[in-house]
Amino acid sequence: MIHVCYGLHDRDGRYSKFTGTSMLSIFENVSSPPPSVTVHILHDNTLSYDNWRNFIYIAGRYGQRVEFHNVEQLCADKIQFIQEKLSSYLGTRFSIGAFYRLMINHIGLRNVSKMIYLDADTIVNLDLQELWNYSLENHALAAVPEWEATRTYMITNKYVLHTEKVKLEDYLCSGIIMMNLDKFGEDFFYDGVNWLAENLQCESPDQDILNNFFSTNYLKLPEKFDAFVGVCRYLDNNALLPKIYHYAGNCLGMNMNDTFNRLFFTHFTKTPWFGLETIHHTYETMSQIYIERQTFAIQIANLLARKKRAFLVSNRNLEGLKEVFAINDTEEIFTSDDDDAFSKLIEAMNKSRGEKIFFILIDNFNELNAVLHQMGFVAGEDFLDVTAFLHDGHGVPLPAFTLVKLL
């Protein structure tokens, strides 16, 4: 029997469908005759009756098993411990659900010594038996090193790496891990939370806890067991391979010409969450996005009636931007590839406060946005993110984060 678990905190009831889609993808691809997989849902009181019923339906449809573990009841003391120790940390980027996997040895499992944990934003496009067959031996867990999974993308800003608490080559992804439960001591949960409370600079709480304790004692798995979709789009040329695909970093979108998006929706449409209600909600949300875009366009039109334009753009996007915005020779253009581009930009913005609006198309817009905000410039008045004006034909699809709202 293969044992798999998910952590589920679903405050608005819209997260369960992603967990259910990932769960269904396991059942679709496992080769052993059922029942061969037991899925453990580590949840709290936010799990609704309808979503609970949908999980049972999926498992029953494939002849597999699902078990529910309410950590809010089973581990009430540990939930309280987290809330006391990390009160300023919760609700910022991560919910308390990120910690549920750390309580795996405290939920009353019987005769289970090995467990595969999966993030909800995963699609299993291989036979999970292949991963289950790996022997952990004396290792606490098995995982893919993040530098291999992301090709250093999403790893450059890790606090535990900058402080040399963990070596770059050892830093593991925790979105897909196989745990040797016998190697997780009774005090591991408390030790982990206490460590995080002393290292609040960590931006990946559960992952950094696991790295701090186990980075020197884990079985390093091939990239196929935690394949980041954002990387695979380029390395695999959009070809689907036998891998566990991880849609981390807003990699899931609505473009059905993309094979990885199609892979997700192929499985999602087989779940009980896909139906009239989903279509209705998608239509309503798309209508709201359309209205917001129209309102934004009117605001910009009124703004440009009394201001001139200027541009900051990278060299690779310069010609395309000139064409899209019909830039004329009298309009000022700064290229971000120049060493002193930002200092020139700031100087120009200071000289033309209230007279010009700067259209910006660069990769690190969020960083520049924070700097400009600190200097007293106002987004939507003094500068704009150009991607708000572009669309799929310009290589800028509908932002992936809206997919959570749409579904």
Protein backbone atom coordinates (compact mmCIF):
# COMPACT_ATOMS: atom_id res chain seq x y z
CA MET A 1 0.00 0.00 0.00
CA ILE A 2 1.33 3.44 -1.00
CA HIS A 3 0.64 6.11 1.60
CA VAL A 4 0.31 9.76 0.48
CA CYS A 5 -0.63 12.83 2.47
CA TYR A 6 -1.70 16.42 1.79
CA GLY A 7 -1.95 19.35 4.19
CA LEU A 8 -5.23 21.23 3.81
CA HIS A 9 -6.23 24.60 5.25
CA ASP A 10 -9.14 25.84 3.13
CA ARG A 11 -10.55 29.02 4.60
CA ASP A 12 -12.57 30.05 1.51
CA GLY A 13 -13.32 26.52 0.30
CA ARG A 14 -11.53 26.99 -3.02
CA TYR A 15 -8.28 25.18 -2.22
CA SER A 16 -9.65 21.65 -1.94
CA LYS A 17 -10.22 21.33 -5.69
CA PHE A 18 -6.47 21.59 -6.33
CA THR A 19 -5.75 18.92 -3.74
CA GLY A 20 -8.46 16.76 -5.28
CA THR A 21 -7.03 17.21 -8.78
CA SER A 22 -3.57 16.17 -7.61
CA MET A 23 -5.09 13.18 -5.80
CA LEU A 24 -6.97 12.10 -8.92
CA SER A 25 -3.76 12.28 -10.99
CA ILE A 26 -2.19 9.70 -8.66
CA PHE A 27 -5.08 7.29 -9.16
CA GLU A 28 -5.05 7.83 -12.93
CA ASN A 29 -1.42 6.76 -13.25
CA VAL A 30 -0.78 4.11 -10.61
CA SER A 31 -0.38 0.66 -12.16
CA SER A 32 -0.99 -1.62 -9.14
CA PRO A 33 -4.54 -2.96 -8.90
CA PRO A 34 -6.71 -1.15 -6.36
CA PRO A 35 -6.76 -0.65 -3.51
CA SER A 36 -3.08 0.26 -3.76
CA VAL A 37 -3.04 3.89 -2.53
CA THR A 38 -4.25 5.46 0.70
CA VAL A 39 -4.45 9.26 0.67
CA HIS A 40 -4.32 10.95 4.05
CA ILE A 41 -5.90 14.43 4.18
CA LEU A 42 -4.37 16.40 7.08
CA HIS A 43 -7.04 19.06 7.49
CA ASP A 44 -8.68 21.36 10.01
CA ASN A 45 -12.22 22.63 10.57
CA THR A 46 -12.09 24.61 7.31
CA LEU A 47 -12.77 21.42 5.33
CA SER A 48 -16.40 21.68 4.21
CA TYR A 49 -18.84 18.80 3.99
CA ASP A 50 -19.13 19.14 0.21
CA ASN A 51 -15.36 19.02 -0.27
CA TRP A 52 -15.07 16.09 2.15
CA ARG A 53 -17.69 14.25 0.09
CA ASN A 54 -15.85 15.03 -3.16
CA PHE A 55 -12.63 13.49 -1.83
CA ILE A 56 -14.51 10.33 -0.89
CA TYR A 57 -16.17 10.21 -4.31
CA ILE A 58 -12.82 10.39 -6.15
CA ALA A 59 -11.26 7.65 -4.03
CA GLY A 60 -14.30 5.41 -4.41
CA ARG A 61 -14.44 5.95 -8.16
CA TYR A 62 -10.91 4.55 -8.53
CA GLY A 63 -11.25 1.89 -5.83
CA GLN A 64 -8.64 3.64 -3.67
CA ARG A 65 -8.72 4.82 -0.06
CA VAL A 66 -8.83 8.22 1.60
CA GLU A 67 -8.52 8.93 5.31
CA PHE A 68 -9.17 12.23 7.06
CA HIS A 69 -7.16 13.51 10.02
CA ASN A 70 -8.45 16.68 11.68
CA VAL A 71 -5.23 18.12 13.09
CA GLU A 72 -7.18 20.95 14.71
CA GLN A 73 -8.72 18.32 16.99
CA LEU A 74 -5.97 15.69 17.10
CA CYS A 75 -3.15 18.21 17.61
CA ALA A 76 -4.90 21.10 19.33
CA ASP A 77 -1.95 21.66 21.68
CA LYS A 78 0.46 21.87 18.75
CA ILE A 79 -1.76 24.30 16.87
CA GLN A 80 -1.82 26.50 19.94
CA PHE A 81 1.97 26.20 20.25
CA ILE A 82 2.40 27.42 16.64
CA GLN A 83 0.03 30.32 17.17
CA GLU A 84 1.85 31.40 20.31
CA LYS A 85 5.35 31.05 18.88
CA LEU A 86 4.67 32.39 15.38
CA SER A 87 1.77 34.82 15.80
CA SER A 88 3.50 37.51 13.72
CA TYR A 89 4.47 35.03 11.02
CA LEU A 90 1.19 33.30 10.19
CA GLY A 91 -1.11 34.79 7.58
CA THR A 92 1.65 36.71 5.79
CA ARG A 93 2.76 34.41 3.00
CA PHE A 94 1.94 31.00 4.41
CA SER A 95 -1.07 29.65 6.27
CA ILE A 96 -0.94 27.32 9.22
CA GLY A 97 -1.63 24.45 6.79
CA ALA A 98 2.03 24.55 5.77
CA PHE A 99 2.90 23.06 9.18
CA TYR A 100 0.51 20.11 9.12
CA ARG A 101 3.01 17.74 7.52
CA LEU A 102 5.31 18.36 10.48
CA MET A 103 2.64 16.84 12.75
CA ILE A 104 2.48 13.58 10.78
CA ASN A 105 3.69 11.48 13.72
CA HIS A 106 1.07 12.94 16.05
CA ILE A 107 -2.16 12.07 14.21
CA GLY A 108 -2.44 8.45 15.33
CA LEU A 109 -1.25 6.56 12.24
CA ARG A 110 -0.93 2.81 12.68
CA ASN A 111 1.51 0.53 10.89
CA VAL A 112 2.70 3.33 8.59
CA SER A 113 6.45 3.91 8.58
CA LYS A 114 6.77 5.69 5.23
CA MET A 115 4.72 8.53 3.75
CA ILE A 116 4.85 10.57 0.53
CA TYR A 117 3.85 14.20 1.01
CA LEU A 118 2.61 16.22 -1.99
CA ASP A 119 1.77 19.90 -2.31
CA ALA A 120 -1.69 20.58 -3.72
CA ASP A 121 -0.22 22.30 -6.80
CA THR A 122 1.16 19.05 -8.21
CA ILE A 123 0.11 16.68 -10.97
CA VAL A 124 1.51 13.14 -10.81
CA ASN A 125 2.24 12.17 -14.41
CA LEU A 126 3.95 8.88 -13.58
CA ASP A 127 3.31 5.72 -11.62
CA LEU A 128 3.82 6.77 -7.99
CA GLN A 129 4.96 3.22 -7.24
CA GLU A 130 8.25 4.24 -8.86
CA LEU A 131 8.90 6.75 -6.08
CA TRP A 132 7.52 4.47 -3.37
CA ASN A 133 10.01 1.75 -4.36
CA TYR A 134 12.99 3.89 -3.32
CA SER A 135 14.53 2.58 -0.11
CA LEU A 136 15.08 5.27 2.50
CA GLU A 137 17.31 3.01 4.62
CA ASN A 138 18.84 5.32 7.24
CA HIS A 139 17.70 8.55 5.57
CA ALA A 140 15.09 10.69 7.27
CA LEU A 141 13.50 11.62 3.98
CA ALA A 142 13.90 11.67 0.20
CA ALA A 143 13.57 14.83 -1.89
CA VAL A 144 14.87 16.65 -4.95
CA PRO A 145 17.58 19.28 -4.38
CA GLU A 146 16.09 22.67 -5.25
CA TRP A 147 19.04 23.81 -7.37
CA GLU A 148 18.34 20.86 -9.68
CA ALA A 149 14.55 21.27 -9.69
CA THR A 150 14.59 25.02 -10.37
CA ARG A 151 18.03 25.52 -11.93
CA THR A 152 18.66 28.01 -9.05
CA TYR A 153 15.40 29.85 -9.84
CA MET A 154 13.49 30.50 -6.57
CA ILE A 155 16.56 29.70 -4.50
CA THR A 156 18.70 32.84 -4.58
CA ASN A 157 16.92 34.58 -1.70
CA LYS A 158 16.93 31.77 0.87
CA TYR A 159 17.93 32.95 4.34
CA VAL A 160 19.34 29.55 5.37
CA LEU A 161 21.68 29.66 2.37
CA HIS A 162 22.89 33.24 2.90
CA THR A 163 23.66 32.44 6.53
CA GLU A 164 25.34 29.16 5.49
CA LYS A 165 23.08 27.11 7.72
CA VAL A 166 22.51 24.87 4.69
CA LYS A 167 24.75 24.27 1.68
CA LEU A 168 23.36 25.20 -1.74
CA GLU A 169 23.83 21.69 -3.14
CA ASP A 170 21.97 20.20 -0.15
CA TYR A 171 18.97 22.55 0.00
CA LEU A 172 15.88 20.41 -0.65
CA CYS A 173 12.43 21.08 -2.09
CA SER A 174 9.72 20.15 0.40
CA GLY A 175 6.77 20.21 -2.02
CA ILE A 176 7.27 16.51 -2.80
CA ILE A 177 9.02 14.46 -0.13
CA MET A 178 9.01 10.87 1.05
CA MET A 179 9.37 10.62 4.81
CA ASN A 180 10.85 7.88 6.95
CA LEU A 181 8.49 8.38 9.89
CA ASP A 182 10.70 6.35 12.22
CA LYS A 183 13.39 9.02 11.85
CA PHE A 184 11.14 11.87 12.99
CA GLY A 185 11.47 11.94 16.77
CA GLU A 186 8.70 12.93 19.17
CA ASP A 187 10.31 16.32 19.76
CA PHE A 188 10.95 17.17 16.11
CA PHE A 189 7.80 19.28 15.74
CA TYR A 190 8.55 21.41 18.80
CA ASP A 191 12.23 21.70 17.93
CA GLY A 192 11.29 22.82 14.42
CA VAL A 193 8.81 25.50 15.50
CA ASN A 194 11.23 26.79 18.16
CA TRP A 195 13.98 27.01 15.56
CA LEU A 196 11.73 28.94 13.16
CA ALA A 197 10.71 31.34 15.94
CA GLU A 198 14.40 32.17 16.30
CA ASN A 199 14.87 32.51 12.52
CA LEU A 200 11.86 34.51 11.35
CA GLN A 201 13.81 35.72 8.32
CA CYS A 202 13.00 32.38 6.68
CA GLU A 203 10.48 32.83 3.88
CA SER A 204 9.75 29.11 3.44
CA PRO A 205 8.84 27.97 6.96
CA ASP A 206 8.19 24.23 6.68
CA GLN A 207 10.82 23.81 3.97
CA ASP A 208 13.51 25.66 5.91
CA ILE A 209 12.73 23.67 9.06
CA LEU A 210 13.20 20.42 7.15
CA ASN A 211 16.39 21.72 5.58
CA ASN A 212 17.83 22.83 8.91
CA PHE A 213 17.33 19.38 10.44
CA PHE A 214 17.74 17.01 7.50
CA SER A 215 19.74 18.64 4.67
CA THR A 216 22.70 16.43 5.52
CA ASN A 217 20.62 13.28 5.88
CA TYR A 218 18.24 12.86 2.96
CA LEU A 219 18.15 10.73 -0.15
CA LYS A 220 18.59 12.96 -3.19
CA LEU A 221 16.02 12.07 -5.84
CA PRO A 222 16.10 12.73 -9.61
CA GLU A 223 14.47 15.93 -10.86
CA LYS A 224 11.56 13.96 -12.33
CA PHE A 225 10.04 13.58 -8.86
CA ASP A 226 9.69 17.36 -8.37
CA ALA A 227 9.68 18.96 -11.81
CA PHE A 228 8.96 22.69 -11.63
CA VAL A 229 6.67 23.59 -14.51
CA GLY A 230 8.23 27.01 -15.03
CA VAL A 231 11.56 25.31 -15.74
CA CYS A 232 10.13 22.39 -17.74
CA ARG A 233 8.44 24.74 -20.19
CA TYR A 234 11.91 25.66 -21.41
CA LEU A 235 14.05 22.60 -20.73
CA ASP A 236 11.54 20.06 -22.09
CA ASN A 237 10.18 22.28 -24.87
CA ASN A 238 6.62 21.81 -23.59
CA ALA A 239 6.89 18.03 -23.94
CA LEU A 240 5.12 15.99 -21.27
CA LEU A 241 7.31 13.35 -19.66
CA PRO A 242 6.83 10.85 -16.82
CA LYS A 243 7.33 13.32 -13.97
CA ILE A 244 5.62 14.80 -10.94
CA TYR A 245 4.89 18.32 -12.13
CA HIS A 246 4.97 21.11 -9.56
CA TYR A 247 3.04 24.25 -10.51
CA ALA A 248 4.83 26.43 -7.95
CA GLY A 249 5.28 30.16 -8.49
CA ASN A 250 1.98 30.86 -10.29
CA CYS A 251 2.86 28.57 -13.20
CA LEU A 252 -0.70 27.40 -13.85
CA GLY A 253 -2.66 29.46 -16.36
CA MET A 254 -5.63 29.37 -18.73
CA ASN A 255 -3.69 29.12 -22.00
CA MET A 256 -4.80 25.77 -23.42
CA ASN A 257 -2.06 25.83 -26.06
CA ASP A 258 0.34 25.11 -23.19
CA THR A 259 0.76 21.37 -22.60
CA PHE A 260 1.26 21.75 -18.84
CA ASN A 261 -1.92 23.78 -18.41
CA ARG A 262 -3.76 21.17 -20.48
CA LEU A 263 -2.35 18.42 -18.26
CA PHE A 264 -3.83 20.04 -15.17
CA PHE A 265 -7.22 20.69 -16.77
CA THR A 266 -7.36 17.16 -18.21
CA HIS A 267 -7.40 15.91 -14.63
CA PHE A 268 -9.41 18.76 -13.12
CA THR A 269 -12.33 18.19 -15.52
CA LYS A 270 -12.58 14.61 -14.20
CA THR A 271 -13.15 15.79 -10.64
CA PRO A 272 -16.57 16.56 -9.12
CA TRP A 273 -15.46 20.18 -8.71
CA PHE A 274 -15.77 20.73 -12.45
CA GLY A 275 -19.38 21.54 -13.31
CA LEU A 276 -21.98 24.25 -13.77
CA GLU A 277 -20.95 26.09 -10.60
CA THR A 278 -17.31 26.28 -11.75
CA ILE A 279 -18.34 27.57 -15.18
CA HIS A 280 -20.65 30.13 -13.60
CA HIS A 281 -18.00 31.32 -11.18
CA THR A 282 -15.42 31.53 -13.98
CA TYR A 283 -17.78 33.66 -16.06
CA GLU A 284 -18.52 35.99 -13.14
CA THR A 285 -14.84 36.40 -12.30
CA MET A 286 -13.86 37.00 -15.92
CA SER A 287 -16.61 39.61 -16.18
CA GLN A 288 -15.24 41.34 -13.09
CA ILE A 289 -11.71 41.29 -14.53
CA TYR A 290 -13.07 42.77 -17.78
CA ILE A 291 -14.82 45.58 -15.89
CA GLU A 292 -11.66 46.28 -13.89
CA ARG A 293 -9.62 46.46 -17.10
CA GLN A 294 -12.14 48.84 -18.67
CA THR A 295 -12.11 51.08 -15.61
CA PHE A 296 -8.32 51.03 -15.60
CA ALA A 297 -8.20 51.97 -19.29
CA ILE A 298 -10.49 54.96 -18.67
CA GLN A 299 -8.34 56.10 -15.75
CA ILE A 300 -5.18 55.90 -17.86
CA ALA A 301 -6.83 57.75 -20.76
CA ASN A 302 -7.77 60.59 -18.41
CA LEU A 303 -4.30 60.59 -16.89
CA LEU A 304 -2.52 60.76 -20.25
CA ALA A 305 -4.70 63.69 -21.32
CA ARG A 306 -2.68 65.86 -18.94
CA LYS A 307 0.72 64.11 -18.89
CA LYS A 308 3.46 63.13 -21.31
CA ARG A 309 4.89 59.63 -21.59
CA ALA A 310 8.37 58.25 -20.89
CA PHE A 311 9.59 54.64 -20.88
CA LEU A 312 11.94 52.29 -19.02
CA VAL A 313 12.44 48.99 -20.84
CA SER A 314 15.01 46.23 -21.29
CA ASN A 315 16.84 46.09 -24.63
CA ARG A 316 15.23 42.79 -25.63
CA ASN A 317 11.75 44.33 -25.31
CA LEU A 318 12.58 47.73 -26.79
CA GLU A 319 11.50 47.18 -30.40
CA GLY A 320 8.31 45.40 -29.38
CA LEU A 321 7.41 48.17 -26.96
CA LYS A 322 7.99 50.83 -29.62
CA GLU A 323 5.55 49.04 -31.89
CA VAL A 324 2.88 48.37 -29.27
CA PHE A 325 2.85 51.91 -27.89
CA ALA A 326 3.70 53.75 -31.12
CA ILE A 327 6.54 55.58 -29.36
CA ASN A 328 7.67 58.67 -31.25
CA ASP A 329 11.12 60.23 -31.41
CA THR A 330 10.27 63.00 -28.94
CA GLU A 331 9.47 60.60 -26.10
CA GLU A 332 12.14 59.70 -23.56
CA ILE A 333 13.32 56.07 -23.36
CA PHE A 334 15.61 54.54 -20.72
CA THR A 335 17.00 51.02 -21.19
CA SER A 336 17.39 49.03 -17.99
CA ASP A 337 20.47 47.25 -19.37
CA ASP A 338 22.55 50.42 -18.94
CA ASP A 339 24.61 50.47 -15.75
CA ASP A 340 23.31 53.88 -14.68
CA ALA A 341 19.76 53.41 -16.02
CA PHE A 342 18.05 53.63 -12.64
CA SER A 343 19.93 56.71 -11.49
CA LYS A 344 19.03 58.42 -14.79
CA LEU A 345 15.41 57.32 -14.35
CA ILE A 346 15.19 58.74 -10.83
CA GLU A 347 16.77 62.00 -11.96
CA ALA A 348 14.29 62.31 -14.84
CA MET A 349 11.32 61.44 -12.62
CA ASN A 350 12.33 64.06 -10.06
CA LYS A 351 12.63 66.72 -12.77
CA SER A 352 9.26 65.92 -14.29
CA ARG A 353 7.11 65.23 -11.22
CA GLY A 354 3.47 65.75 -12.17
CA GLU A 355 4.32 66.28 -15.85
CA LYS A 356 5.25 62.79 -17.08
CA ILE A 357 4.12 59.24 -16.45
CA PHE A 358 6.76 56.52 -16.87
CA PHE A 359 5.80 53.23 -18.52
CA ILE A 360 8.03 50.44 -17.13
CA LEU A 361 8.68 47.01 -18.64
CA ILE A 362 11.46 45.21 -16.76
CA ASP A 363 11.82 41.83 -15.05
CA ASN A 364 12.37 43.21 -11.54
CA PHE A 365 9.47 45.66 -11.56
CA ASN A 366 8.41 44.77 -8.01
CA GLU A 367 11.81 45.74 -6.63
CA LEU A 368 11.77 49.06 -8.51
CA ASN A 369 8.17 49.65 -7.44
CA ALA A 370 9.21 49.40 -3.77
CA VAL A 371 12.11 51.84 -4.31
CA LEU A 372 9.96 54.37 -6.15
CA HIS A 373 7.28 54.13 -3.50
CA GLN A 374 9.83 54.90 -0.79
CA MET A 375 10.91 57.97 -2.77
CA GLY A 376 7.37 59.32 -2.82
CA PHE A 377 6.37 58.36 -6.35
CA VAL A 378 2.85 56.99 -6.79
CA ALA A 379 1.99 53.97 -8.92
CA GLY A 380 -0.75 54.89 -11.40
CA GLU A 381 0.18 58.55 -11.23
CA ASP A 382 3.94 58.75 -11.76
CA PHE A 383 4.67 55.30 -13.18
CA LEU A 384 2.93 52.17 -14.48
CA ASP A 385 3.73 48.51 -14.98
CA VAL A 386 3.49 48.11 -18.76
CA THR A 387 2.46 44.44 -18.52
CA ALA A 388 -0.99 45.68 -17.46
CA PHE A 389 -1.46 46.83 -21.09
CA LEU A 390 -0.15 43.72 -22.84
CA HIS A 391 -1.84 40.41 -23.60
CA ASP A 392 -1.13 36.90 -24.82
CA GLY A 393 -0.28 38.12 -28.32
CA HIS A 394 2.55 40.14 -26.77
CA GLY A 395 3.77 37.16 -24.78
CA VAL A 396 1.96 38.24 -21.59
CA PRO A 397 -0.88 35.81 -20.81
CA LEU A 398 -3.62 36.35 -18.25
CA PRO A 399 -1.81 36.38 -14.88
CA ALA A 400 -1.71 32.87 -13.49
CA PHE A 401 -2.72 33.96 -9.99
CA THR A 402 -6.19 34.77 -11.26
CA LEU A 403 -6.76 31.08 -11.93
CA VAL A 404 -7.33 30.47 -8.23
CA LYS A 405 -10.06 33.10 -8.32
CA LEU A 406 -11.52 31.80 -11.58
CA LEU A 407 -11.95 28.22 -10.41
